[in-house]
Amino acid sequence: MAPAGSADESFLSASIRLWSIIVILSAVIGNFLAWRLTDCSSNLSGSVTLSVGFALFSLVMCRGVSLWLLRDPKANAILRALAIPIGAVAPLSLGGIALFRMQYLERVETHMCGASFTVGISYVGALIWGILIRHRHRRRRLLVQ
């Protein structure tokens, strides 16, 4: 049996890899849907930029949530997974408001809805991530015991 350190590293890398796939798919699908199905995506480059920023911040949050789940094995992974998109969108929103005042929110809603779609789809992805990570985490705990 492998030492606990390598099992923890394996869990962290698997959870971050899975979230990377989910957030990239969310960004691609969200921007594509906004571009093809709505008229609010007049600033596609801004929408893609915000989606990439969201993806990068969410990867940082994913590592934090994964470490949180390792420290507290009885934690509800599905509920904690929702902290990833919430924590990733917060710095983007606050930074945008600090730079561009309240017009930032209006601009995102009216011209860059692909970023909003990305965040919305990532909430669904976070639920899927939480379910898969909970299953892997429980299986790993049973193997360690």
Protein backbone atom coordinates (compact mmCIF):
# COMPACT_ATOMS: atom_id res chain seq x y z
CA MET A 1 0.00 0.00 0.00
CA ALA A 2 1.26 3.50 -0.84
CA PRO A 3 2.07 6.01 1.90
CA ALA A 4 -0.66 8.50 2.86
CA GLY A 5 1.30 11.41 1.37
CA SER A 6 1.22 9.93 -2.12
CA ALA A 7 -2.48 9.09 -1.76
CA ASP A 8 -3.16 12.71 -0.82
CA GLU A 9 -1.09 13.95 -3.76
CA SER A 10 -2.95 11.58 -6.05
CA PHE A 11 -6.30 12.85 -4.75
CA LEU A 12 -5.24 16.48 -5.22
CA SER A 13 -3.96 15.99 -8.74
CA ALA A 14 -7.03 13.99 -9.78
CA SER A 15 -9.42 16.58 -8.38
CA ILE A 16 -7.58 19.46 -10.06
CA ARG A 17 -7.41 17.59 -13.38
CA LEU A 18 -11.13 16.87 -13.22
CA TRP A 19 -11.97 20.49 -12.39
CA SER A 20 -9.69 21.70 -15.22
CA ILE A 21 -11.69 19.64 -17.70
CA ILE A 22 -15.00 20.85 -16.27
CA VAL A 23 -14.09 24.55 -16.25
CA ILE A 24 -12.62 24.46 -19.77
CA LEU A 25 -15.76 22.77 -21.06
CA SER A 26 -17.87 25.34 -19.21
CA ALA A 27 -15.96 28.21 -20.83
CA VAL A 28 -16.17 26.75 -24.32
CA ILE A 29 -19.84 25.78 -24.08
CA GLY A 30 -20.85 29.02 -22.33
CA ASN A 31 -19.17 31.27 -24.89
CA PHE A 32 -20.39 29.18 -27.81
CA LEU A 33 -23.99 29.26 -26.58
CA ALA A 34 -23.85 33.00 -26.01
CA TRP A 35 -22.32 33.58 -29.43
CA ARG A 36 -24.79 31.40 -31.34
CA LEU A 37 -28.03 31.68 -29.40
CA THR A 38 -28.17 35.20 -27.97
CA ASP A 39 -27.62 38.76 -29.09
CA CYS A 40 -25.83 39.80 -25.90
CA SER A 41 -22.38 38.58 -26.95
CA SER A 42 -21.26 41.59 -28.95
CA ASN A 43 -17.92 41.64 -27.09
CA LEU A 44 -16.77 38.06 -27.60
CA SER A 45 -13.11 38.79 -26.83
CA GLY A 46 -14.09 40.37 -23.49
CA SER A 47 -16.30 37.41 -22.71
CA VAL A 48 -13.52 34.94 -23.48
CA THR A 49 -11.07 36.98 -21.39
CA LEU A 50 -13.42 36.95 -18.40
CA SER A 51 -14.02 33.23 -18.86
CA VAL A 52 -10.27 32.56 -18.85
CA GLY A 53 -9.87 34.69 -15.71
CA PHE A 54 -12.70 32.77 -14.09
CA ALA A 55 -11.06 29.47 -15.05
CA LEU A 56 -7.72 30.51 -13.54
CA PHE A 57 -9.26 31.72 -10.28
CA SER A 58 -11.37 28.57 -10.07
CA LEU A 59 -8.26 26.38 -10.35
CA VAL A 60 -6.84 28.12 -7.29
CA MET A 61 -10.13 27.61 -5.47
CA CYS A 62 -10.24 23.96 -6.54
CA ARG A 63 -6.92 23.27 -4.85
CA GLY A 64 -8.14 24.96 -1.68
CA VAL A 65 -11.41 23.03 -1.62
CA SER A 66 -9.56 19.75 -2.31
CA LEU A 67 -7.21 20.41 0.61
CA TRP A 68 -10.24 21.28 2.73
CA LEU A 69 -11.80 17.92 1.87
CA LEU A 70 -8.58 16.09 2.74
CA ARG A 71 -8.41 17.74 6.18
CA ASP A 72 -12.08 17.14 6.97
CA PRO A 73 -13.01 13.67 5.66
CA LYS A 74 -16.62 13.91 6.83
CA ALA A 75 -17.22 17.15 4.90
CA ASN A 76 -19.98 17.28 2.33
CA ALA A 77 -18.03 17.41 -0.94
CA ILE A 78 -21.05 18.44 -3.00
CA LEU A 79 -21.77 21.53 -0.93
CA ARG A 80 -18.10 22.44 -0.62
CA ALA A 81 -17.73 22.14 -4.40
CA LEU A 82 -20.07 25.11 -4.81
CA ALA A 83 -17.40 27.24 -3.11
CA ILE A 84 -15.25 26.92 -6.25
CA PRO A 85 -17.36 29.02 -8.64
CA ILE A 86 -18.43 31.40 -5.87
CA GLY A 87 -14.85 32.03 -4.82
CA ALA A 88 -13.64 32.34 -8.42
CA VAL A 89 -16.22 34.89 -9.53
CA ALA A 90 -15.75 37.13 -6.48
CA PRO A 91 -12.31 38.59 -7.37
CA LEU A 92 -13.40 39.14 -10.98
CA SER A 93 -16.54 40.98 -9.91
CA LEU A 94 -14.87 43.06 -7.23
CA GLY A 95 -11.89 43.86 -9.44
CA GLY A 96 -14.14 44.88 -12.31
CA ILE A 97 -16.26 47.07 -10.06
CA ALA A 98 -13.16 48.68 -8.55
CA LEU A 99 -11.78 49.49 -12.02
CA PHE A 100 -14.90 50.34 -13.98
CA ARG A 101 -17.46 51.20 -11.28
CA MET A 102 -20.97 49.82 -11.55
CA GLN A 103 -20.96 50.07 -15.35
CA TYR A 104 -18.88 46.88 -15.28
CA LEU A 105 -21.83 44.73 -14.22
CA GLU A 106 -24.10 46.28 -16.83
CA ARG A 107 -21.44 45.78 -19.50
CA VAL A 108 -21.01 42.11 -18.60
CA GLU A 109 -24.76 41.50 -18.66
CA THR A 110 -25.42 43.31 -21.93
CA HIS A 111 -22.30 42.63 -24.01
CA MET A 112 -20.43 39.66 -22.52
CA CYS A 113 -23.03 37.13 -21.47
CA GLY A 114 -20.72 34.26 -22.47
CA ALA A 115 -18.87 34.86 -19.21
CA SER A 116 -22.17 34.69 -17.32
CA PHE A 117 -23.03 31.45 -19.11
CA THR A 118 -19.60 30.09 -18.19
CA VAL A 119 -20.21 30.76 -14.51
CA GLY A 120 -23.70 29.27 -14.65
CA ILE A 121 -22.54 26.11 -16.38
CA SER A 122 -19.66 25.79 -13.92
CA TYR A 123 -22.16 25.59 -11.04
CA VAL A 124 -23.57 22.46 -12.66
CA GLY A 125 -19.99 21.29 -13.20
CA ALA A 126 -19.24 21.92 -9.53
CA LEU A 127 -22.10 19.64 -8.52
CA ILE A 128 -20.81 16.92 -10.84
CA TRP A 129 -17.26 17.47 -9.54
CA GLY A 130 -18.49 17.21 -5.95
CA ILE A 131 -20.30 13.94 -6.62
CA LEU A 132 -17.28 12.38 -8.36
CA ILE A 133 -14.81 13.62 -5.76
CA ARG A 134 -17.02 12.43 -2.90
CA HIS A 135 -17.14 8.97 -4.47
CA ARG A 136 -13.35 8.90 -4.97
CA HIS A 137 -12.72 10.27 -1.49
CA ARG A 138 -14.95 7.64 0.16
CA ARG A 139 -13.32 4.87 -1.84
CA ARG A 140 -9.88 6.16 -0.85
CA ARG A 141 -10.87 6.29 2.85
CA LEU A 142 -12.09 2.69 2.71
CA LEU A 143 -8.79 1.57 1.18
CA VAL A 144 -6.78 3.36 3.88
CA GLN A 145 -8.78 1.79 6.73
